[in-house]
């Protein structure tokens, strides 16, 4: 399987896993941000979710 994330670090950039999400927010963006960060950090979640997305993508684009 191909490598999905290859971060290109440059000066002045923060790594995704080091991104801080403010915990005093109650907006949907806060919950989505935390969820996406957890998906990125957890290899099991990452593989499962992107495996599903890849299958859907290839099923729709092969026809």
C-alpha atoms as a PDB file:
ATOM      1  CA  UNK A   1       0.000   0.000   0.000  1.00  0.00           C
ATOM      2  CA  UNK A   2       1.251   3.458  -0.780  1.00  0.00           C
ATOM      3  CA  UNK A   3       2.432   5.882   1.848  1.00  0.00           C
ATOM      4  CA  UNK A   4      -0.346   8.411   2.402  1.00  0.00           C
ATOM      5  CA  UNK A   5       1.298  11.168   4.389  1.00  0.00           C
ATOM      6  CA  UNK A   6       4.751  12.516   3.739  1.00  0.00           C
ATOM      7  CA  UNK A   7       5.138  15.778   5.559  1.00  0.00           C
ATOM      8  CA  UNK A   8       7.492  18.249   4.013  1.00  0.00           C
ATOM      9  CA  UNK A   9       8.945  20.237   6.854  1.00  0.00           C
ATOM     10  CA  UNK A  10      10.007  23.776   6.207  1.00  0.00           C
ATOM     11  CA  UNK A  11      11.001  26.672   8.418  1.00  0.00           C
ATOM     12  CA  UNK A  12       8.180  28.181  10.395  1.00  0.00           C
ATOM     13  CA  UNK A  13       5.814  25.212  10.005  1.00  0.00           C
ATOM     14  CA  UNK A  14       4.312  23.072  12.768  1.00  0.00           C
ATOM     15  CA  UNK A  15       4.072  19.304  12.357  1.00  0.00           C
ATOM     16  CA  UNK A  16       0.510  17.966  12.280  1.00  0.00           C
ATOM     17  CA  UNK A  17       1.050  15.850  15.388  1.00  0.00           C
ATOM     18  CA  UNK A  18       2.305  18.955  17.248  1.00  0.00           C
ATOM     19  CA  UNK A  19      -0.722  21.063  16.335  1.00  0.00           C
ATOM     20  CA  UNK A  20      -2.514  22.457  19.349  1.00  0.00           C
ATOM     21  CA  UNK A  21      -6.290  22.660  19.269  1.00  0.00           C
ATOM     22  CA  UNK A  22      -7.839  25.034  21.773  1.00  0.00           C
ATOM     23  CA  UNK A  23      -9.853  23.088  24.318  1.00  0.00           C
ATOM     24  CA  UNK A  24     -12.038  26.001  25.380  1.00  0.00           C
ATOM     25  CA  UNK A  25     -14.083  25.938  22.191  1.00  0.00           C
ATOM     26  CA  UNK A  26     -17.462  24.236  21.846  1.00  0.00           C
ATOM     27  CA  UNK A  27     -17.782  24.613  18.106  1.00  0.00           C
ATOM     28  CA  UNK A  28     -18.053  21.775  15.624  1.00  0.00           C
ATOM     29  CA  UNK A  29     -14.639  22.770  14.236  1.00  0.00           C
ATOM     30  CA  UNK A  30     -13.060  21.892  17.591  1.00  0.00           C
ATOM     31  CA  UNK A  31     -14.555  18.387  17.552  1.00  0.00           C
ATOM     32  CA  UNK A  32     -13.656  17.822  13.905  1.00  0.00           C
ATOM     33  CA  UNK A  33     -10.116  19.065  14.523  1.00  0.00           C
ATOM     34  CA  UNK A  34      -9.612  16.711  17.471  1.00  0.00           C
ATOM     35  CA  UNK A  35     -11.034  13.803  15.466  1.00  0.00           C
ATOM     36  CA  UNK A  36      -8.804  14.445  12.454  1.00  0.00           C
ATOM     37  CA  UNK A  37      -5.758  14.804  14.680  1.00  0.00           C
ATOM     38  CA  UNK A  38      -6.546  11.484  16.380  1.00  0.00           C
ATOM     39  CA  UNK A  39      -7.008   9.788  12.993  1.00  0.00           C
ATOM     40  CA  UNK A  40      -3.660  11.147  11.826  1.00  0.00           C
ATOM     41  CA  UNK A  41      -1.815  10.111  15.007  1.00  0.00           C
ATOM     42  CA  UNK A  42      -3.309   6.598  15.307  1.00  0.00           C
ATOM     43  CA  UNK A  43      -2.054   4.248  12.560  1.00  0.00           C
ATOM     44  CA  UNK A  44      -4.925   1.773  13.033  1.00  0.00           C
ATOM     45  CA  UNK A  45      -7.575   4.466  12.500  1.00  0.00           C
ATOM     46  CA  UNK A  46      -5.601   5.957   9.637  1.00  0.00           C
ATOM     47  CA  UNK A  47      -5.324   2.652   7.760  1.00  0.00           C
ATOM     48  CA  UNK A  48      -8.972   1.711   8.263  1.00  0.00           C
ATOM     49  CA  UNK A  49     -10.435   5.058   7.255  1.00  0.00           C
ATOM     50  CA  UNK A  50      -8.183   5.625   4.265  1.00  0.00           C
ATOM     51  CA  UNK A  51      -8.675   2.017   3.153  1.00  0.00           C
ATOM     52  CA  UNK A  52     -12.426   2.635   3.036  1.00  0.00           C
ATOM     53  CA  UNK A  53     -11.976   5.931   1.199  1.00  0.00           C
ATOM     54  CA  UNK A  54      -9.609   4.373  -1.344  1.00  0.00           C
ATOM     55  CA  UNK A  55     -12.022   1.514  -2.067  1.00  0.00           C
ATOM     56  CA  UNK A  56     -14.878   3.958  -2.624  1.00  0.00           C
ATOM     57  CA  UNK A  57     -12.700   6.170  -4.824  1.00  0.00           C
ATOM     58  CA  UNK A  58     -11.454   3.307  -6.992  1.00  0.00           C
ATOM     59  CA  UNK A  59     -14.935   1.770  -7.318  1.00  0.00           C
ATOM     60  CA  UNK A  60     -16.310   5.035  -8.638  1.00  0.00           C
ATOM     61  CA  UNK A  61     -13.417   5.837 -10.958  1.00  0.00           C
ATOM     62  CA  UNK A  62     -12.822   2.427 -12.570  1.00  0.00           C
ATOM     63  CA  UNK A  63     -16.162   2.327 -14.356  1.00  0.00           C
END
